[in-house]
Amino acid sequence: MQHALFIAALAALAAIFALAEIQIEGPNGWATSLPTWRAENRWTRLFFSSKPLTGYHLYTLLFLLVVVHLPFALSLAPITWRAEARIVSFFILFWVLEDFLWFILNPAFGLRRFRPKHVWWHAPTWWWIMPRDYWIFVPAGVALYWLSH
């Protein structure tokens, strides 16, 4: 039951956030049309591959990082390495699933346009059927989830 609740919460939150982000970005992924700052240097390439770091993405990442740690801040859960592993697992898997759902649920994309030729921000690091980040972070998130038990 615990695994099912984790997956259900992950899927629900990722879908809701993807739908909100579709309303914000529309067909223009990676905050292309948003009035936000952009930074590109060796550090941003290390963490974001070929994509620039934007203010929009930095603050949404930080927001979710704080939100997923609220159980600690509100004394709802003890701070343990296992709990932190589960939280980081959720954080990682959330972003991968949210990113994928952005394409699937976005009327401007859908599964048929989930291809490197339509997705400039993932194209340089596309491996076979999906972006490299998915190949790296899904196993990392699953491993952290497994270690949290």
Protein backbone atom coordinates (compact mmCIF):
# COMPACT_ATOMS: atom_id res chain seq x y z
CA MET A 1 0.00 0.00 0.00
CA GLN A 2 2.86 2.37 0.85
CA HIS A 3 4.37 1.98 -2.63
CA ALA A 4 1.01 2.58 -4.29
CA LEU A 5 0.48 5.79 -2.30
CA PHE A 6 3.96 7.02 -3.24
CA ILE A 7 3.31 6.35 -6.93
CA ALA A 8 -0.21 7.83 -6.81
CA ALA A 9 1.00 11.02 -5.09
CA LEU A 10 3.91 11.29 -7.51
CA ALA A 11 1.67 10.86 -10.56
CA ALA A 12 -1.04 13.22 -9.31
CA LEU A 13 1.35 16.02 -8.38
CA ALA A 14 3.40 15.64 -11.56
CA ALA A 15 0.26 15.75 -13.72
CA ILE A 16 -1.15 18.80 -11.93
CA PHE A 17 2.16 20.64 -12.15
CA ALA A 18 2.58 19.69 -15.83
CA LEU A 19 -0.89 21.05 -16.57
CA ALA A 20 -0.08 24.28 -14.73
CA GLU A 21 3.20 24.60 -16.59
CA ILE A 22 1.42 24.04 -19.92
CA GLN A 23 -0.83 27.00 -19.02
CA ILE A 24 2.25 29.10 -18.27
CA GLU A 25 4.46 28.08 -21.21
CA GLY A 26 1.95 26.99 -23.83
CA PRO A 27 3.70 25.45 -26.83
CA ASN A 28 7.01 27.18 -26.00
CA GLY A 29 8.98 24.83 -23.81
CA TRP A 30 11.87 25.63 -21.52
CA ALA A 31 10.44 29.08 -20.72
CA THR A 32 11.31 30.29 -24.24
CA SER A 33 8.64 32.98 -24.28
CA LEU A 34 8.64 33.87 -20.60
CA PRO A 35 10.09 37.13 -19.28
CA THR A 36 12.78 35.45 -17.19
CA TRP A 37 16.54 35.68 -16.99
CA ARG A 38 18.74 33.02 -18.61
CA ALA A 39 22.24 31.91 -17.72
CA GLU A 40 24.53 29.65 -19.72
CA ASN A 41 28.01 28.73 -18.54
CA ARG A 42 30.01 25.65 -17.57
CA TRP A 43 28.02 25.24 -14.33
CA THR A 44 24.63 25.44 -15.99
CA ARG A 45 25.80 22.97 -18.66
CA LEU A 46 26.92 20.60 -15.90
CA PHE A 47 23.47 20.59 -14.28
CA PHE A 48 21.14 21.39 -17.20
CA SER A 49 23.00 19.87 -20.18
CA SER A 50 22.40 22.01 -23.24
CA LYS A 51 19.57 23.98 -21.67
CA PRO A 52 20.07 27.41 -20.14
CA LEU A 53 19.21 27.90 -16.50
CA THR A 54 16.25 30.26 -16.30
CA GLY A 55 14.89 32.14 -13.32
CA TYR A 56 11.60 30.34 -13.90
CA HIS A 57 13.22 26.91 -13.61
CA LEU A 58 15.50 27.81 -10.72
CA TYR A 59 12.64 29.10 -8.58
CA THR A 60 10.29 26.22 -9.42
CA LEU A 61 13.06 23.73 -8.50
CA LEU A 62 13.76 25.54 -5.23
CA PHE A 63 10.04 25.81 -4.46
CA LEU A 64 9.50 22.07 -4.85
CA LEU A 65 12.68 21.28 -2.92
CA VAL A 66 11.31 23.26 0.05
CA VAL A 67 7.81 21.77 -0.30
CA VAL A 68 9.01 18.16 -0.27
CA HIS A 69 10.97 18.88 2.91
CA LEU A 70 7.95 20.34 4.73
CA PRO A 71 7.34 17.11 6.68
CA PHE A 72 10.68 17.75 8.42
CA ALA A 73 10.09 21.48 8.91
CA LEU A 74 6.61 20.89 10.35
CA SER A 75 7.85 18.08 12.62
CA LEU A 76 5.58 15.58 10.85
CA ALA A 77 8.43 13.17 10.24
CA PRO A 78 11.80 12.62 11.90
CA ILE A 79 14.87 13.60 9.90
CA THR A 80 16.59 10.37 8.93
CA TRP A 81 18.78 9.30 6.03
CA ARG A 82 16.03 6.96 4.86
CA ALA A 83 13.43 9.72 4.92
CA GLU A 84 15.77 12.05 3.03
CA ALA A 85 16.44 9.33 0.44
CA ARG A 86 12.69 8.94 -0.09
CA ILE A 87 12.21 12.71 -0.40
CA VAL A 88 15.06 13.06 -2.90
CA SER A 89 13.69 10.06 -4.79
CA PHE A 90 10.30 11.76 -4.99
CA PHE A 91 11.92 15.04 -6.08
CA ILE A 92 13.91 13.37 -8.88
CA LEU A 93 11.09 11.15 -10.14
CA PHE A 94 8.63 14.06 -9.94
CA TRP A 95 10.70 16.18 -12.34
CA VAL A 96 11.19 13.39 -14.86
CA LEU A 97 7.50 12.43 -14.84
CA GLU A 98 6.37 16.08 -14.87
CA ASP A 99 8.62 16.80 -17.83
CA PHE A 100 7.29 13.79 -19.77
CA LEU A 101 3.68 14.63 -18.91
CA TRP A 102 4.26 18.20 -20.13
CA PHE A 103 4.71 16.71 -23.60
CA ILE A 104 1.96 14.12 -23.36
CA LEU A 105 -0.69 16.52 -21.99
CA ASN A 106 0.35 19.57 -24.02
CA PRO A 107 -1.97 20.00 -27.05
CA ALA A 108 0.97 21.48 -28.98
CA PHE A 109 3.00 18.27 -28.54
CA GLY A 110 1.54 14.93 -27.50
CA LEU A 111 3.40 11.65 -27.79
CA ARG A 112 3.72 11.98 -31.58
CA ARG A 113 5.89 15.11 -31.21
CA PHE A 114 7.98 13.73 -28.34
CA ARG A 115 10.97 13.57 -30.69
CA PRO A 116 14.28 15.43 -30.72
CA LYS A 117 13.40 17.34 -33.89
CA HIS A 118 10.48 18.99 -32.04
CA VAL A 119 12.16 19.47 -28.66
CA TRP A 120 15.22 21.69 -29.09
CA TRP A 121 16.01 21.81 -25.37
CA HIS A 122 16.39 18.02 -25.12
CA ALA A 123 17.61 17.31 -28.67
CA PRO A 124 21.39 17.56 -28.04
CA THR A 125 21.17 14.93 -25.30
CA TRP A 126 18.52 12.63 -26.78
CA TRP A 127 19.31 8.93 -26.36
CA TRP A 128 17.23 6.52 -28.43
CA ILE A 129 13.57 7.16 -27.40
CA MET A 130 13.96 9.81 -24.71
CA PRO A 131 16.27 12.46 -23.27
CA ARG A 132 19.45 11.35 -21.54
CA ASP A 133 18.22 12.90 -18.29
CA TYR A 134 15.40 10.35 -18.13
CA TRP A 135 17.85 7.46 -18.57
CA ILE A 136 20.01 8.79 -15.73
CA PHE A 137 17.49 10.13 -13.24
CA VAL A 138 14.81 7.41 -13.33
CA PRO A 139 17.26 4.70 -12.16
CA ALA A 140 18.74 7.14 -9.62
CA GLY A 141 15.27 7.96 -8.24
CA VAL A 142 14.25 4.31 -8.10
CA ALA A 143 17.53 3.38 -6.37
CA LEU A 144 17.01 6.09 -3.75
CA TYR A 145 13.44 4.90 -3.22
CA TRP A 146 14.68 1.34 -2.78
CA LEU A 147 17.39 2.50 -0.34
CA SER A 148 14.75 4.37 1.68
CA HIS A 149 13.20 1.05 2.79
